[in-house]
Amino acid sequence: MNKPGSVFSILKEDQPIAGCTISRDLLPDAKGMAIVFSLGAGTDISPETYRQNKLIWVIDGDLTIHTDQKEDVCLTASDVCWTEKNVPTGTETEKGAIYIEFAPGDTESMNLNPVPGEVFKLADLVPYKNGSIVNRDVFSTPGMKLVVMSFDEGTGLSEHAAPGEALLFGLEGEATITYEGVDHVLHAGEEILFAKNGLHAVQANGPFKMALLMCLEPKPLFQK
């Protein structure tokens, strides 16, 4: 498990092992799943059925998503797509793959409804805007939220804390991430973990895009 406040790289730390498939839970305490998979060349994961849509984000390599109801979907590095709920879905790779699978839970109430099989890139979901920060939800459920943000050069977020664990993914450019008073330079292809209530700030060092996965604390049904 990566320590809060340390910059790391899924691409470097989760390299495939020949002939094997590996999985690692990125946020074990989340109310939803965020699992990184490493598949050796020529390996596969058998079809499984889930009651919710899943989001698959390929970090490196090639990945084919297949079902018995639709044509195969072929992904390469930086490609993202939703899978279809209640449909047996499997993955396989020819040359090897590293990817993250998000199972956020209920996606029925989302403003941006998932379109199974449609391939896109997270960085393409938000443009840059002069002097501004632009953000867009990829999914938001009672337990987990994934948002993509763009920062124009010189913009940033002042120090604040999140109510749950958070994982920041660098997509484009670089930024200085201050965590608990310590500065870290985060580049595209690197990640940093924030603990619950960990104080952090973001300052863009030029145009910068990131994805932020947040664990949300479900609100109680009744207040005392």
Protein backbone atom coordinates (compact mmCIF):
# COMPACT_ATOMS: atom_id res chain seq x y z
CA MET A 1 0.00 0.00 0.00
CA ASN A 2 1.40 3.42 -0.95
CA LYS A 3 1.85 5.91 1.89
CA PRO A 4 -0.13 9.19 1.94
CA GLY A 5 1.94 12.10 0.63
CA SER A 6 4.38 9.96 -1.39
CA VAL A 7 4.54 10.31 -5.17
CA PHE A 8 4.50 6.95 -6.96
CA SER A 9 3.90 5.48 -10.41
CA ILE A 10 1.43 2.71 -11.12
CA LEU A 11 3.19 2.26 -14.47
CA LYS A 12 6.48 1.46 -12.71
CA GLU A 13 5.23 -0.31 -9.58
CA ASP A 14 2.66 -2.62 -11.20
CA GLN A 15 4.60 -4.04 -14.12
CA PRO A 16 3.20 -7.38 -15.40
CA ILE A 17 4.84 -10.71 -14.61
CA ALA A 18 5.15 -13.16 -17.51
CA GLY A 19 2.28 -15.63 -17.63
CA CYS A 20 0.50 -14.09 -14.62
CA THR A 21 -2.36 -11.76 -13.79
CA ILE A 22 -2.01 -9.50 -10.73
CA SER A 23 -4.53 -7.27 -8.97
CA ARG A 24 -4.09 -4.63 -6.24
CA ASP A 25 -6.74 -2.60 -4.44
CA LEU A 26 -5.77 1.08 -4.62
CA LEU A 27 -8.22 2.26 -1.94
CA PRO A 28 -9.15 -0.69 0.31
CA ASP A 29 -11.40 1.41 2.55
CA ALA A 30 -13.43 2.95 -0.26
CA LYS A 31 -17.19 2.41 -0.63
CA GLY A 32 -16.56 1.16 -4.14
CA MET A 33 -13.69 -0.59 -5.94
CA ALA A 34 -10.58 0.87 -7.57
CA ILE A 35 -8.33 -2.05 -8.54
CA VAL A 36 -5.19 -1.99 -10.68
CA PHE A 37 -4.68 -5.07 -12.84
CA SER A 38 -1.39 -6.18 -14.41
CA LEU A 39 -1.72 -8.82 -17.11
CA GLY A 40 1.23 -10.62 -18.63
CA ALA A 41 1.41 -11.05 -22.40
CA GLY A 42 -1.13 -13.57 -23.68
CA THR A 43 -3.15 -13.73 -20.44
CA ASP A 44 -6.80 -13.03 -19.76
CA ILE A 45 -9.42 -12.64 -17.05
CA SER A 46 -12.51 -14.79 -17.53
CA PRO A 47 -15.89 -13.11 -18.07
CA GLU A 48 -17.67 -12.01 -14.91
CA THR A 49 -21.04 -10.38 -14.36
CA TYR A 50 -21.56 -7.30 -12.18
CA ARG A 51 -24.73 -5.49 -11.22
CA GLN A 52 -23.17 -2.10 -11.94
CA ASN A 53 -21.28 -0.50 -14.81
CA LYS A 54 -17.49 -0.59 -14.44
CA LEU A 55 -14.99 1.93 -15.80
CA ILE A 56 -11.77 0.54 -17.29
CA TRP A 57 -8.77 2.86 -17.78
CA VAL A 58 -5.72 1.45 -19.58
CA ILE A 59 -2.44 2.80 -18.19
CA ASP A 60 -0.15 0.84 -20.54
CA GLY A 61 -0.23 -1.90 -23.15
CA ASP A 62 -3.15 -3.33 -25.10
CA LEU A 63 -6.43 -4.62 -23.74
CA THR A 64 -9.43 -6.27 -25.38
CA ILE A 65 -12.79 -6.21 -23.60
CA HIS A 66 -15.16 -8.89 -24.79
CA THR A 67 -18.70 -10.03 -24.08
CA ASP A 68 -21.02 -12.51 -25.73
CA GLN A 69 -23.46 -9.78 -26.77
CA LYS A 70 -21.39 -7.08 -28.52
CA GLU A 71 -18.26 -6.67 -30.62
CA ASP A 72 -14.93 -6.63 -28.83
CA VAL A 73 -13.60 -3.26 -27.69
CA CYS A 74 -9.85 -2.75 -28.17
CA LEU A 75 -8.02 -0.26 -25.93
CA THR A 76 -4.47 1.08 -25.76
CA ALA A 77 -2.68 3.36 -23.28
CA SER A 78 -4.84 6.28 -21.99
CA ASP A 79 -8.06 4.79 -23.41
CA VAL A 80 -11.08 4.53 -21.12
CA CYS A 81 -14.47 2.88 -21.52
CA TRP A 82 -17.46 1.70 -19.51
CA THR A 83 -18.54 -1.93 -19.41
CA GLU A 84 -22.17 -2.98 -19.37
CA LYS A 85 -23.85 -4.14 -16.18
CA ASN A 86 -25.48 -7.60 -15.95
CA VAL A 87 -23.47 -8.80 -18.95
CA PRO A 88 -20.58 -11.31 -18.61
CA THR A 89 -17.45 -9.30 -19.46
CA GLY A 90 -13.84 -10.47 -19.74
CA THR A 91 -10.47 -8.94 -20.63
CA GLU A 92 -7.41 -10.23 -22.45
CA THR A 93 -4.11 -8.86 -23.71
CA GLU A 94 -1.74 -9.81 -26.48
CA LYS A 95 1.38 -7.92 -25.41
CA GLY A 96 0.60 -7.20 -21.75
CA ALA A 97 -1.48 -4.54 -20.01
CA ILE A 98 -1.79 -2.41 -16.90
CA TYR A 99 -5.24 -1.00 -16.23
CA ILE A 100 -7.45 0.32 -13.46
CA GLU A 101 -10.97 -0.98 -12.99
CA PHE A 102 -13.41 1.23 -11.13
CA ALA A 103 -16.66 -0.21 -9.79
CA PRO A 104 -18.20 2.89 -8.16
CA GLY A 105 -21.56 1.37 -7.32
CA ASP A 106 -24.87 2.88 -8.41
CA THR A 107 -24.39 4.94 -11.59
CA GLU A 108 -28.07 5.33 -12.39
CA SER A 109 -28.32 8.81 -10.85
CA MET A 110 -25.30 10.27 -12.64
CA ASN A 111 -25.64 13.36 -14.84
CA LEU A 112 -23.16 11.87 -17.31
CA ASN A 113 -24.57 8.42 -17.94
CA PRO A 114 -22.10 5.70 -18.98
CA VAL A 115 -22.18 4.52 -22.58
CA PRO A 116 -20.83 0.94 -22.58
CA GLY A 117 -18.16 0.31 -25.21
CA GLU A 118 -17.58 3.98 -26.05
CA VAL A 119 -13.82 4.68 -25.93
CA PHE A 120 -12.54 8.05 -24.71
CA LYS A 121 -9.60 9.62 -22.86
CA LEU A 122 -9.92 11.26 -19.46
CA ALA A 123 -7.73 14.23 -20.43
CA ASP A 124 -10.04 15.00 -23.36
CA LEU A 125 -13.06 15.52 -21.09
CA VAL A 126 -11.97 19.01 -20.02
CA PRO A 127 -10.39 21.87 -22.03
CA TYR A 128 -7.95 24.48 -20.80
CA LYS A 129 -9.39 27.96 -20.15
CA ASN A 130 -7.35 31.13 -19.64
CA GLY A 131 -6.82 31.87 -15.97
CA SER A 132 -9.27 29.20 -14.90
CA ILE A 133 -9.73 25.73 -13.45
CA VAL A 134 -12.18 23.47 -15.29
CA ASN A 135 -13.59 20.28 -13.76
CA ARG A 136 -15.98 17.55 -14.82
CA ASP A 137 -17.34 14.53 -12.99
CA VAL A 138 -16.72 11.16 -14.63
CA PHE A 139 -18.86 9.47 -11.99
CA SER A 140 -20.24 10.44 -8.63
CA THR A 141 -21.93 7.96 -6.32
CA PRO A 142 -22.65 7.94 -2.57
CA GLY A 143 -19.33 6.20 -1.89
CA MET A 144 -16.90 7.28 -4.60
CA LYS A 145 -16.29 10.14 -7.03
CA LEU A 146 -13.93 10.52 -10.01
CA VAL A 147 -13.40 14.04 -11.37
CA VAL A 148 -11.12 15.35 -14.14
CA MET A 149 -9.66 18.85 -13.79
CA SER A 150 -7.62 21.21 -15.96
CA PHE A 151 -5.53 24.08 -14.58
CA ASP A 152 -4.25 26.99 -16.61
CA GLU A 153 -0.67 28.04 -15.86
CA GLY A 154 -0.46 29.83 -12.52
CA THR A 155 -3.80 28.59 -11.20
CA GLY A 156 -4.27 26.25 -8.26
CA LEU A 157 -6.26 25.13 -5.25
CA SER A 158 -5.51 26.56 -1.82
CA GLU A 159 -4.87 24.25 1.11
CA HIS A 160 -7.88 22.13 2.05
CA ALA A 161 -8.80 18.65 3.28
CA ALA A 162 -11.08 15.92 1.92
CA PRO A 163 -13.50 13.93 4.14
CA GLY A 164 -12.11 10.62 2.87
CA GLU A 165 -9.04 9.14 1.17
CA ALA A 166 -8.19 10.61 -2.23
CA LEU A 167 -5.91 9.51 -5.06
CA LEU A 168 -4.63 12.09 -7.56
CA PHE A 169 -3.49 11.00 -11.05
CA GLY A 170 -1.33 13.31 -13.19
CA LEU A 171 -2.64 13.32 -16.79
CA GLU A 172 -0.82 16.18 -18.54
CA GLY A 173 1.94 18.61 -17.56
CA GLU A 174 3.14 18.98 -13.98
CA ALA A 175 2.06 20.61 -10.74
CA THR A 176 3.40 21.18 -7.26
CA ILE A 177 1.32 19.26 -4.76
CA THR A 178 1.69 20.40 -1.17
CA TYR A 179 0.72 17.70 1.31
CA GLU A 180 0.86 18.38 5.04
CA GLY A 181 3.30 21.25 4.40
CA VAL A 182 5.68 19.30 2.12
CA ASP A 183 5.95 20.12 -1.61
CA HIS A 184 5.98 17.33 -4.22
CA VAL A 185 6.29 17.83 -7.99
CA LEU A 186 3.79 15.58 -9.74
CA HIS A 187 4.23 14.75 -13.43
CA ALA A 188 1.93 13.10 -15.95
CA GLY A 189 1.91 9.36 -15.28
CA GLU A 190 2.48 9.74 -11.53
CA GLU A 191 0.10 9.48 -8.58
CA ILE A 192 -0.12 10.73 -5.01
CA LEU A 193 -2.35 9.48 -2.20
CA PHE A 194 -4.04 11.73 0.37
CA ALA A 195 -5.19 10.37 3.72
CA LYS A 196 -8.61 11.29 5.09
CA ASN A 197 -8.49 14.91 6.29
CA GLY A 198 -4.93 15.30 4.98
CA LEU A 199 -4.23 18.97 4.16
CA HIS A 200 -3.20 19.48 0.54
CA ALA A 201 -2.93 22.16 -2.14
CA VAL A 202 -2.33 22.20 -5.92
CA GLN A 203 -0.29 24.73 -7.93
CA ALA A 204 0.00 24.24 -11.70
CA ASN A 205 3.50 24.58 -13.17
CA GLY A 206 2.15 25.35 -16.64
CA PRO A 207 -0.99 23.82 -18.14
CA PHE A 208 -1.89 20.79 -16.03
CA LYS A 209 -4.60 18.13 -16.07
CA MET A 210 -5.35 15.58 -13.38
CA ALA A 211 -7.92 13.01 -12.33
CA LEU A 212 -8.98 12.85 -8.69
CA LEU A 213 -10.57 9.75 -7.16
CA MET A 214 -12.25 10.53 -3.83
CA CYS A 215 -13.76 8.26 -1.19
CA LEU A 216 -16.99 9.81 0.05
CA GLU A 217 -18.47 9.29 3.47
CA PRO A 218 -22.16 8.31 3.04
CA LYS A 219 -24.48 10.72 4.85
CA PRO A 220 -26.60 9.18 7.65
CA LEU A 221 -30.27 8.80 6.91
CA PHE A 222 -31.26 10.43 10.18
CA GLN A 223 -29.55 13.15 12.17
CA LYS A 224 -29.74 13.10 15.96
